[in-house]
C-alpha cells in the first residue's frame, strides 16, 4: 500500500461519435509518446551576482488546475496527472490538484507506484533542487516514487497542504495537493495559490456540478473529463466574444458567458451519460 512520506526523505437517431477516452487509454497509463521534458522558462535576467552573472527569474508555463471528484474517471485523471508529474515545467502541466477527501488515499495509492524518475536536466535544475530543499525545511508530507527504483533527488513530487507561495517565486517543479468535501469547497481552494491558472480540468461525471465549478472559478478554459484538447474549433468564437457550440472530432466545444466569456470542452459521450 502506497503511503505519504515525509519529505526528509472526472425518429432516426444518429450514431454517437466514437469516444475519445478509449479503453486503451484507461487501462494502460503509460504514455506512448516519447517524453519531451521542458525546463523552466526564463522571465528575465536582472541584477548582478557576485560572480558577475545575471540573476535569473523564471515564469510559469501556462499552468493548470486539476479537480478530481469521487465519481470521476480515476484512471484517466491519473493518466493526466502522471504526464504532468514527469514533465513539471512543460506547458499546461498541472501545478495544483484538488481531490475529494473521500478518495484521496485511494487515488494516491494508485499514482505513487507509477511514478518514475525525472529527466536528469529537470531534477538537477536549480529551481527543482531549491524546491526540494524548502520541502525538507518545511517537513511537508510528500508523495514520491518508490525509493527502491526512484532516488529521492530524481523523484517527481506532490506536496500536501502547502501552497506554491511557500516553495518559491514562479514555477517550483512540484504539484501541490489540497482536499475538499463539497463542490463549493473545491471552487475556493485555488484562491490560496499564487498561481494564475491558464486552464482547469474537472473530473466529475455530473455535468451540472462541473458547470457549477466552471461558473465559480476565475479561469478562461475548462476541460471536463479530458485535458489539453486542441481549442482550435472554438478559439475564433471565443476571441470574437461570441457564443458558439460545436462538436468536432468527438468533443463538445462551447463559448459561453459565465460572468465572463469562457470555453468549456468535454467528450461528447459525457453529455449522453448524463
Protein backbone atom coordinates (compact mmCIF):
# COMPACT_ATOMS: atom_id res chain seq x y z
CA UNK A 1 0.00 0.00 0.00
CA UNK A 2 1.38 3.41 -1.01
CA UNK A 3 1.68 5.92 1.77
CA UNK A 4 2.52 9.56 2.12
CA UNK A 5 6.15 10.16 3.06
CA UNK A 6 7.89 12.93 4.96
CA UNK A 7 9.98 14.97 2.61
CA UNK A 8 13.03 14.38 4.69
CA UNK A 9 13.41 11.68 2.68
CA UNK A 10 -13.67 13.41 -13.55
CA UNK A 11 -37.50 9.27 -35.29
CA UNK A 12 -33.87 8.10 -36.55
CA UNK A 13 -31.14 8.63 -34.10
CA UNK A 14 -27.69 9.34 -35.48
CA UNK A 15 -24.94 7.08 -34.13
CA UNK A 16 -22.79 8.65 -31.44
CA UNK A 17 -19.25 9.62 -32.37
CA UNK A 18 -16.59 7.26 -31.07
CA UNK A 19 -15.46 8.02 -27.54
CA UNK A 20 -12.10 9.77 -27.36
CA UNK A 21 -11.33 8.27 -23.96
CA UNK A 22 -10.57 4.73 -25.09
CA UNK A 23 -10.17 1.58 -23.03
CA UNK A 24 -6.52 1.50 -24.05
CA UNK A 25 -6.01 4.92 -22.51
CA UNK A 26 -7.79 3.92 -19.31
CA UNK A 27 -6.18 0.52 -18.88
CA UNK A 28 -2.65 1.47 -19.88
CA UNK A 29 -1.49 4.57 -18.08
CA UNK A 30 1.94 4.60 -19.66
CA UNK A 31 2.38 7.36 -22.20
CA UNK A 32 3.01 6.17 -25.75
CA UNK A 33 4.68 9.48 -26.60
CA UNK A 34 8.41 9.96 -26.32
CA UNK A 35 8.94 12.03 -23.24
CA UNK A 36 9.97 15.57 -24.09
CA UNK A 37 10.72 17.38 -20.87
CA UNK A 38 10.74 21.16 -20.70
CA UNK A 39 12.92 23.29 -18.46
CA UNK A 40 11.67 26.39 -16.61
CA UNK A 41 11.03 29.38 -18.87
CA UNK A 42 13.29 32.36 -18.22
CA UNK A 43 11.32 35.51 -17.42
CA UNK A 44 14.22 37.91 -17.20
CA UNK A 45 17.81 38.27 -16.12
CA UNK A 46 18.32 41.10 -13.67
CA UNK A 47 20.92 42.34 -11.23
CA UNK A 48 24.47 41.10 -10.87
CA UNK A 49 25.58 38.11 -8.83
CA UNK A 50 28.95 38.05 -7.06
CA UNK A 51 30.49 36.14 -9.95
CA UNK A 52 29.36 38.78 -12.43
CA UNK A 53 26.48 36.79 -13.94
CA UNK A 54 22.88 37.97 -14.07
CA UNK A 55 20.25 36.75 -11.59
CA UNK A 56 17.67 34.64 -13.41
CA UNK A 57 13.91 34.78 -12.79
CA UNK A 58 11.56 32.12 -14.15
CA UNK A 59 7.90 32.23 -15.17
CA UNK A 60 5.03 29.75 -15.19
CA UNK A 61 4.37 27.97 -18.48
CA UNK A 62 0.55 28.10 -18.67
CA UNK A 63 -0.04 26.03 -15.51
CA UNK A 64 -3.30 24.16 -14.96
CA UNK A 65 -5.54 23.27 -12.02
CA UNK A 66 -6.98 19.76 -11.69
CA UNK A 67 -10.11 18.91 -9.66
CA UNK A 68 -10.99 15.25 -9.07
CA UNK A 69 -14.35 14.16 -7.64
CA UNK A 70 -15.23 10.76 -6.17
CA UNK A 71 -17.38 9.92 -9.20
CA UNK A 72 -14.78 10.97 -11.75
CA UNK A 73 -12.84 8.67 -14.07
CA UNK A 74 -9.93 7.96 -11.74
CA UNK A 75 -7.79 6.13 -14.30
CA UNK A 76 -7.99 8.84 -16.93
CA UNK A 77 -7.36 11.50 -14.29
CA UNK A 78 -4.25 9.63 -13.16
CA UNK A 79 -3.00 9.43 -16.73
CA UNK A 80 -3.18 13.21 -16.99
CA UNK A 81 -1.56 13.77 -13.59
CA UNK A 82 1.33 11.41 -14.35
CA UNK A 83 2.11 13.25 -17.58
CA UNK A 84 2.47 16.47 -15.58
CA UNK A 85 4.45 14.83 -12.77
CA UNK A 86 7.10 13.68 -15.24
CA UNK A 87 7.20 17.00 -17.11
CA UNK A 88 6.53 19.56 -14.36
CA UNK A 89 7.82 22.58 -16.29
CA UNK A 90 6.01 21.71 -19.51
CA UNK A 91 3.23 23.85 -20.99
CA UNK A 92 -0.19 23.28 -19.36
CA UNK A 93 1.26 20.91 -16.77
CA UNK A 94 -0.75 20.52 -13.57
CA UNK A 95 0.54 22.86 -10.87
CA UNK A 96 -2.18 22.14 -8.29
CA UNK A 97 -4.57 19.23 -7.80
CA UNK A 98 -7.67 19.21 -5.58
CA UNK A 99 -9.05 15.77 -4.72
CA UNK A 100 -12.30 14.96 -2.96
CA UNK A 101 -11.48 13.91 0.60
CA UNK A 102 -13.20 10.51 0.39
CA UNK A 103 -10.89 9.25 -2.39
CA UNK A 104 -7.56 10.99 -1.78
CA UNK A 105 -5.88 7.92 -0.23
CA UNK A 106 -7.23 5.56 -2.89
CA UNK A 107 -6.20 7.92 -5.68
CA UNK A 108 -2.68 8.48 -4.41
CA UNK A 109 -2.17 4.77 -3.73
CA UNK A 110 -2.67 4.24 -7.46
CA UNK A 111 -0.47 7.15 -8.50
CA UNK A 112 2.63 6.52 -6.36
CA UNK A 113 3.63 3.10 -7.83
CA UNK A 114 3.55 4.65 -11.32
CA UNK A 115 5.95 7.49 -10.50
CA UNK A 116 9.20 7.18 -12.46
CA UNK A 117 12.45 9.13 -12.45
CA UNK A 118 12.55 12.69 -13.73
CA UNK A 119 14.73 13.61 -16.65
CA UNK A 120 18.21 14.43 -15.25
CA UNK A 121 18.12 18.01 -16.59
CA UNK A 122 14.84 18.64 -14.77
CA UNK A 123 15.88 17.02 -11.49
CA UNK A 124 19.22 18.83 -11.44
CA UNK A 125 17.83 22.24 -12.39
CA UNK A 126 18.39 24.88 -9.72
CA UNK A 127 14.65 25.56 -9.45
CA UNK A 128 13.80 21.95 -8.60
CA UNK A 129 16.80 21.50 -6.28
CA UNK A 130 15.79 24.66 -4.39
CA UNK A 131 12.19 23.46 -4.07
CA UNK A 132 13.24 20.11 -2.60
CA UNK A 133 15.44 21.88 -0.06
CA UNK A 134 12.50 24.05 1.02
CA UNK A 135 10.27 20.99 1.36
CA UNK A 136 12.77 19.41 3.71
CA UNK A 137 12.81 22.53 5.88
CA UNK A 138 9.00 22.61 5.93
CA UNK A 139 8.83 18.93 6.92
CA UNK A 140 5.99 18.65 4.44
CA UNK A 141 4.02 15.50 3.67
CA UNK A 142 5.00 14.46 0.16
CA UNK A 143 4.20 11.71 -2.32
CA UNK A 144 7.25 10.46 -4.23
CA UNK A 145 8.31 7.39 -6.17
CA UNK A 146 9.35 4.07 -4.65
CA UNK A 147 12.87 4.71 -3.24
CA UNK A 148 13.93 1.23 -4.43
CA UNK A 149 13.70 2.37 -8.04
CA UNK A 150 13.39 6.16 -7.86
CA UNK A 151 16.08 8.03 -5.88
CA UNK A 152 14.65 10.89 -3.80
CA UNK A 153 16.60 13.54 -5.70
CA UNK A 154 15.23 12.26 -9.04
CA UNK A 155 11.62 11.72 -8.00
CA UNK A 156 8.65 13.81 -9.12
CA UNK A 157 6.93 15.24 -6.05
CA UNK A 158 3.41 16.03 -4.88
CA UNK A 159 3.24 18.05 -1.67
CA UNK A 160 0.14 18.04 0.54
CA UNK A 161 -1.43 21.03 2.30
CA UNK A 162 1.14 23.61 1.22
CA UNK A 163 0.75 26.22 -1.49
CA UNK A 164 3.35 27.28 -4.04
CA UNK A 165 3.97 30.54 -2.18
CA UNK A 166 5.95 28.55 0.41
CA UNK A 167 8.11 26.97 -2.26
CA UNK A 168 9.36 29.85 -4.38
CA UNK A 169 8.57 32.64 -6.79
CA UNK A 170 7.45 31.31 -10.14
CA UNK A 171 7.41 27.62 -11.12
CA UNK A 172 8.51 25.16 -8.44
CA UNK A 173 8.58 21.83 -10.27
CA UNK A 174 6.24 20.12 -7.81
CA UNK A 175 2.46 19.72 -7.67
CA UNK A 176 0.56 20.97 -4.63
CA UNK A 177 -2.33 18.85 -3.36
CA UNK A 178 -5.42 20.01 -1.47
CA UNK A 179 -8.52 18.09 -0.41
CA UNK A 180 -12.17 19.17 -0.38
CA UNK A 181 -15.52 17.77 0.70
CA UNK A 182 -18.05 19.73 -1.37
CA UNK A 183 -18.13 21.36 -4.78
CA UNK A 184 -18.22 24.78 -3.13
CA UNK A 185 -15.03 23.98 -1.22
CA UNK A 186 -13.41 22.84 -4.46
CA UNK A 187 -14.02 26.27 -6.01
CA UNK A 188 -12.34 28.04 -3.08
CA UNK A 189 -9.12 26.04 -2.74
CA UNK A 190 -7.34 27.58 -5.71
CA UNK A 191 -7.71 31.07 -4.21
CA UNK A 192 -4.91 30.32 -1.74
CA UNK A 193 -2.49 29.58 -4.57
CA UNK A 194 -0.39 32.41 -6.04
CA UNK A 195 -0.65 30.78 -9.48
CA UNK A 196 -2.67 32.23 -12.35
CA UNK A 197 -4.08 29.05 -13.89
CA UNK A 198 -4.48 29.00 -17.68
CA UNK A 199 -6.95 26.09 -17.61
CA UNK A 200 -8.87 23.79 -15.28
CA UNK A 201 -9.60 20.09 -15.80
CA UNK A 202 -12.64 18.81 -13.88
CA UNK A 203 -13.09 15.07 -13.39
CA UNK A 204 -16.75 14.62 -12.49
CA UNK A 205 -19.46 12.55 -14.17
CA UNK A 206 -22.21 15.03 -13.19
CA UNK A 207 -22.22 17.79 -15.78
CA UNK A 208 -24.30 20.16 -13.63
CA UNK A 209 -21.64 20.05 -10.93
CA UNK A 210 -18.85 20.55 -13.44
CA UNK A 211 -20.62 23.60 -14.88
CA UNK A 212 -21.06 24.95 -11.35
CA UNK A 213 -17.28 24.72 -10.88
CA UNK A 214 -16.70 26.45 -14.23
CA UNK A 215 -19.02 29.29 -13.26
CA UNK A 216 -17.34 29.93 -9.91
CA UNK A 217 -13.66 29.57 -10.79
CA UNK A 218 -11.98 32.57 -12.39
CA UNK A 219 -10.36 31.00 -15.42
CA UNK A 220 -10.97 31.10 -19.18
CA UNK A 221 -10.73 27.44 -20.16
CA UNK A 222 -12.35 24.35 -18.63
CA UNK A 223 -11.90 20.74 -19.68
CA UNK A 224 -14.46 18.28 -18.28
CA UNK A 225 -13.31 14.63 -18.15
CA UNK A 226 -10.46 15.42 -20.52
CA UNK A 227 -7.42 17.69 -20.69
CA UNK A 228 -5.28 19.67 -23.12
CA UNK A 229 -7.60 19.14 -26.07
CA UNK A 230 -6.98 21.42 -29.07
CA UNK A 231 -9.02 24.63 -28.75
CA UNK A 232 -8.82 25.49 -32.42
CA UNK A 233 -12.51 24.67 -33.12
CA UNK A 234 -13.70 27.29 -30.60
CA UNK A 235 -10.90 29.87 -30.43
CA UNK A 236 -12.31 32.12 -33.14
CA UNK A 237 -15.68 32.48 -31.39
CA UNK A 238 -14.00 33.00 -28.01
CA UNK A 239 -11.68 35.71 -29.29
CA UNK A 240 -14.61 37.43 -31.02
CA UNK A 241 -16.56 37.32 -27.72
CA UNK A 242 -19.26 35.31 -29.49
CA UNK A 243 -21.34 32.46 -28.06
CA UNK A 244 -20.99 29.26 -30.02
CA UNK A 245 -21.38 25.48 -29.71
CA UNK A 246 -19.95 22.81 -31.98
CA UNK A 247 -18.92 19.15 -31.94
CA UNK A 248 -15.56 18.41 -33.54
CA UNK A 249 -13.68 15.11 -33.54
CA UNK A 250 -15.76 13.72 -30.71
CA UNK A 251 -15.58 16.77 -28.42
CA UNK A 252 -18.24 19.28 -27.45
CA UNK A 253 -16.90 22.84 -27.65
CA UNK A 254 -18.70 25.78 -26.11
CA UNK A 255 -18.02 29.51 -25.89
CA UNK A 256 -20.27 30.73 -23.09
CA UNK A 257 -20.64 33.68 -20.73
CA UNK A 258 -20.39 32.79 -17.05
CA UNK A 259 -19.76 36.21 -15.51
CA UNK A 260 -17.17 36.47 -18.28
CA UNK A 261 -16.51 34.65 -21.55
CA UNK A 262 -15.27 31.08 -21.02
CA UNK A 263 -14.50 27.95 -23.03
CA UNK A 264 -15.86 24.55 -21.99
CA UNK A 265 -14.76 21.29 -23.63
CA UNK A 266 -15.81 17.70 -22.94
CA UNK A 267 -16.07 14.35 -24.78
CA UNK A 268 -19.49 14.03 -26.40
CA UNK A 269 -20.18 10.75 -24.63
CA UNK A 270 -20.27 12.62 -21.31
CA UNK A 271 -23.44 14.57 -22.09
CA UNK A 272 -25.35 11.45 -23.18
CA UNK A 273 -24.29 9.67 -19.99
CA UNK A 274 -25.96 12.44 -18.04
